[in-house]
Amino acid sequence: MGIGTLIVFIAMVLVAAIAAGVLISTAGQLQAQGEATGEESQAQISDNIQVLTSSAAVDDSTDPSNVDEINLVVGPASGADTIDLTQATIHALSSDASESLEYADADGAGSFTTENVYGTSSSNGSVLTSSGDRSQITITSTGSSVISNLEPGDSATLEIVDQSGATTYVEVRLPSSFADKSEVSL
């Protein structure tokens, strides 16, 4: 009876050791997963794009009641990491249309372009690295069916989603009259 009890005791110790190893391994995996989720959540909150000014260029040559393009001067929100606008998506929505726009080097259907305004680390203004950087996002009527359908008094919503998933909403409200202006503030 002594050897049998000893064997059972050793088996119980081995099972307990294996269970403890599994618990420690699982706890380590859960901690790593929790840290990764926390970092992703923090990036989505802090890596916002801040819209500083917004304006619309009016097609004063052929149809003075249509918008040619929407221009947004943007910068990183306070505390944001590097924001790469080439990885951003803009979802445009109006009462007539909705679409998703991707970055492009040149104006084209379903796209937007960027231009350096101040301090960006790229010549086309697509990468915002510090809080003082400024870039202009341009969405033309050629690149967007939402923009091409805008007339005086209309409104649209632009949802800018950067590479981290942070979302910035821009409400575009056109004045009821362009009054012979080539550009209007939004």
Protein backbone atom coordinates (compact mmCIF):
# COMPACT_ATOMS: atom_id res chain seq x y z
CA MET A 1 0.00 0.00 0.00
CA GLY A 2 2.88 2.43 0.52
CA ILE A 3 4.22 2.22 -3.07
CA GLY A 4 0.72 2.60 -4.58
CA THR A 5 0.05 5.67 -2.50
CA LEU A 6 3.43 7.10 -3.49
CA ILE A 7 2.66 6.54 -7.22
CA VAL A 8 -0.76 8.21 -6.86
CA PHE A 9 0.83 11.12 -5.01
CA ILE A 10 3.51 11.57 -7.70
CA ALA A 11 0.81 11.43 -10.42
CA MET A 12 -1.21 14.12 -8.62
CA VAL A 13 1.85 16.34 -8.32
CA LEU A 14 2.58 15.91 -12.05
CA VAL A 15 -1.02 16.74 -12.99
CA ALA A 16 -0.95 19.82 -10.74
CA ALA A 17 2.35 20.95 -12.29
CA ILE A 18 0.98 20.56 -15.82
CA ALA A 19 -2.20 22.44 -14.86
CA ALA A 20 -0.13 25.25 -13.31
CA GLY A 21 1.97 25.46 -16.49
CA VAL A 22 -1.15 25.70 -18.64
CA LEU A 23 -2.58 28.41 -16.39
CA ILE A 24 0.63 30.45 -16.47
CA SER A 25 0.87 30.11 -20.26
CA THR A 26 -2.77 31.14 -20.71
CA ALA A 27 -2.30 34.12 -18.39
CA GLY A 28 0.72 35.26 -20.42
CA GLN A 29 -1.20 34.99 -23.69
CA LEU A 30 -4.16 36.90 -22.26
CA GLN A 31 -1.84 39.64 -20.96
CA ALA A 32 -0.18 40.03 -24.37
CA GLN A 33 -3.56 40.10 -26.11
CA GLY A 34 -4.84 42.68 -23.62
CA GLU A 35 -1.82 44.91 -24.17
CA ALA A 36 -2.25 44.72 -27.96
CA THR A 37 -5.95 45.56 -27.69
CA GLY A 38 -5.13 48.49 -25.40
CA GLU A 39 -2.55 49.85 -27.85
CA GLU A 40 -5.01 49.56 -30.75
CA SER A 41 -7.74 51.30 -28.75
CA GLN A 42 -5.36 54.07 -27.72
CA ALA A 43 -4.32 54.60 -31.36
CA GLN A 44 -7.97 54.81 -32.46
CA ILE A 45 -8.64 57.47 -29.85
CA SER A 46 -5.46 59.55 -30.05
CA ASP A 47 -4.58 59.31 -33.77
CA ASN A 48 -7.46 61.49 -34.90
CA ILE A 49 -7.21 63.87 -37.82
CA GLN A 50 -8.16 67.43 -36.96
CA VAL A 51 -9.92 69.44 -39.69
CA LEU A 52 -8.77 73.07 -39.38
CA THR A 53 -10.53 74.70 -42.34
CA SER A 54 -12.91 73.58 -45.04
CA SER A 55 -13.92 75.30 -48.25
CA ALA A 56 -15.57 74.60 -51.58
CA ALA A 57 -14.34 75.84 -54.95
CA VAL A 58 -17.22 76.83 -57.20
CA ASP A 59 -17.32 76.08 -60.93
CA ASP A 60 -17.70 79.72 -61.96
CA SER A 61 -16.88 79.12 -65.64
CA THR A 62 -19.48 76.61 -66.81
CA ASP A 63 -22.04 76.26 -64.01
CA PRO A 64 -21.78 78.69 -61.09
CA SER A 65 -24.26 76.62 -59.05
CA ASN A 66 -22.02 73.54 -58.87
CA VAL A 67 -19.11 72.70 -56.63
CA ASP A 68 -15.81 71.89 -58.36
CA GLU A 69 -13.97 70.60 -55.30
CA ILE A 70 -13.94 70.42 -51.52
CA ASN A 71 -10.69 71.38 -49.75
CA LEU A 72 -9.95 70.36 -46.16
CA VAL A 73 -6.84 71.62 -44.38
CA VAL A 74 -6.01 68.96 -41.79
CA GLY A 75 -3.42 68.23 -39.14
CA PRO A 76 -2.89 65.56 -36.51
CA ALA A 77 -4.81 65.92 -33.26
CA SER A 78 -2.77 66.61 -30.15
CA GLY A 79 -0.80 63.53 -29.10
CA ALA A 80 -1.34 61.65 -32.36
CA ASP A 81 1.27 59.35 -33.81
CA THR A 82 2.27 59.57 -37.48
CA ILE A 83 -0.78 59.67 -39.77
CA ASP A 84 -0.34 58.44 -43.33
CA LEU A 85 -3.13 59.90 -45.49
CA THR A 86 -2.29 57.47 -48.32
CA GLN A 87 -3.72 54.76 -46.05
CA ALA A 88 -6.85 56.77 -45.19
CA THR A 89 -10.32 56.27 -46.61
CA ILE A 90 -12.99 58.95 -46.92
CA HIS A 91 -16.63 57.87 -46.88
CA ALA A 92 -18.80 60.56 -48.49
CA LEU A 93 -22.56 60.64 -47.99
CA SER A 94 -25.22 63.05 -49.25
CA SER A 95 -28.94 62.78 -49.83
CA ASP A 96 -28.23 61.78 -53.47
CA ALA A 97 -25.22 59.48 -53.27
CA SER A 98 -22.67 57.69 -51.09
CA GLU A 99 -19.23 56.35 -51.85
CA SER A 100 -15.80 55.51 -50.47
CA LEU A 101 -12.78 57.43 -51.69
CA GLU A 102 -9.16 56.24 -51.64
CA TYR A 103 -5.95 58.25 -51.88
CA ALA A 104 -4.50 58.76 -55.40
CA ASP A 105 -1.50 60.71 -56.71
CA ALA A 106 -3.70 62.38 -59.32
CA ASP A 107 -7.38 63.29 -59.51
CA GLY A 108 -9.59 60.44 -60.65
CA ALA A 109 -12.87 58.70 -59.98
CA GLY A 110 -13.31 57.45 -56.42
CA SER A 111 -10.25 59.25 -55.10
CA PHE A 112 -8.88 62.21 -53.20
CA THR A 113 -5.48 63.92 -53.35
CA THR A 114 -3.27 65.64 -50.78
CA GLU A 115 -0.97 68.63 -50.93
CA ASN A 116 1.63 69.85 -48.45
CA VAL A 117 0.56 73.05 -46.69
CA TYR A 118 3.16 73.14 -43.91
CA GLY A 119 5.80 70.84 -42.47
CA THR A 120 4.76 67.40 -43.66
CA SER A 121 7.52 64.85 -44.20
CA SER A 122 6.41 64.07 -47.76
CA SER A 123 6.34 66.34 -50.80
CA ASN A 124 2.66 65.66 -51.49
CA GLY A 125 1.61 66.25 -47.87
CA SER A 126 0.42 62.72 -47.29
CA VAL A 127 2.29 61.99 -44.03
CA LEU A 128 1.58 64.02 -40.89
CA THR A 129 4.33 63.44 -38.32
CA SER A 130 4.14 66.32 -35.83
CA SER A 131 1.43 68.50 -34.35
CA GLY A 132 2.37 71.48 -36.55
CA ASP A 133 2.09 69.60 -39.86
CA ARG A 134 -0.69 70.72 -42.22
CA SER A 135 -1.95 69.04 -45.37
CA GLN A 136 -4.78 69.87 -47.76
CA ILE A 137 -7.13 67.06 -48.78
CA THR A 138 -8.86 67.79 -52.08
CA ILE A 139 -11.94 65.95 -53.30
CA THR A 140 -12.98 67.02 -56.79
CA SER A 141 -16.27 66.63 -58.60
CA THR A 142 -14.40 64.34 -61.02
CA GLY A 143 -13.27 62.14 -58.12
CA SER A 144 -16.59 62.02 -56.28
CA SER A 145 -20.21 61.69 -57.36
CA VAL A 146 -21.22 63.10 -53.96
CA ILE A 147 -19.27 66.33 -54.62
CA SER A 148 -20.42 66.61 -58.24
CA ASN A 149 -24.08 66.61 -57.11
CA LEU A 150 -23.72 69.35 -54.48
CA GLU A 151 -25.55 72.62 -55.11
CA PRO A 152 -26.17 75.73 -53.00
CA GLY A 153 -27.93 74.84 -49.73
CA ASP A 154 -26.97 71.13 -49.88
CA SER A 155 -25.06 69.24 -47.22
CA ALA A 156 -22.93 66.12 -47.08
CA THR A 157 -21.02 64.15 -44.46
CA LEU A 158 -17.39 63.13 -44.89
CA GLU A 159 -16.03 60.38 -42.63
CA ILE A 160 -12.22 60.26 -42.66
CA VAL A 161 -10.81 56.96 -41.39
CA ASP A 162 -7.02 56.82 -40.95
CA GLN A 163 -4.71 53.79 -40.90
CA SER A 164 -5.31 53.15 -37.18
CA GLY A 165 -9.09 53.16 -37.58
CA ALA A 166 -9.56 56.56 -35.94
CA THR A 167 -12.55 58.35 -37.47
CA THR A 168 -13.11 62.07 -38.00
CA TYR A 169 -16.49 63.36 -39.17
CA VAL A 170 -16.82 66.51 -41.27
CA GLU A 171 -20.23 68.04 -41.91
CA VAL A 172 -20.21 69.95 -45.21
CA ARG A 173 -22.96 72.58 -45.38
CA LEU A 174 -23.01 74.79 -48.44
CA PRO A 175 -24.42 78.32 -48.22
CA SER A 176 -27.77 78.88 -49.92
CA SER A 177 -26.12 81.09 -52.54
CA PHE A 178 -22.62 81.28 -53.96
CA ALA A 179 -23.17 84.93 -54.99
CA ASP A 180 -20.54 85.07 -57.77
CA LYS A 181 -17.84 83.66 -55.49
CA SER A 182 -15.17 81.31 -56.72
CA GLU A 183 -14.70 79.80 -53.22
CA VAL A 184 -16.97 79.52 -50.20
CA SER A 185 -16.29 78.54 -46.59
CA LEU A 186 -18.08 75.51 -45.26
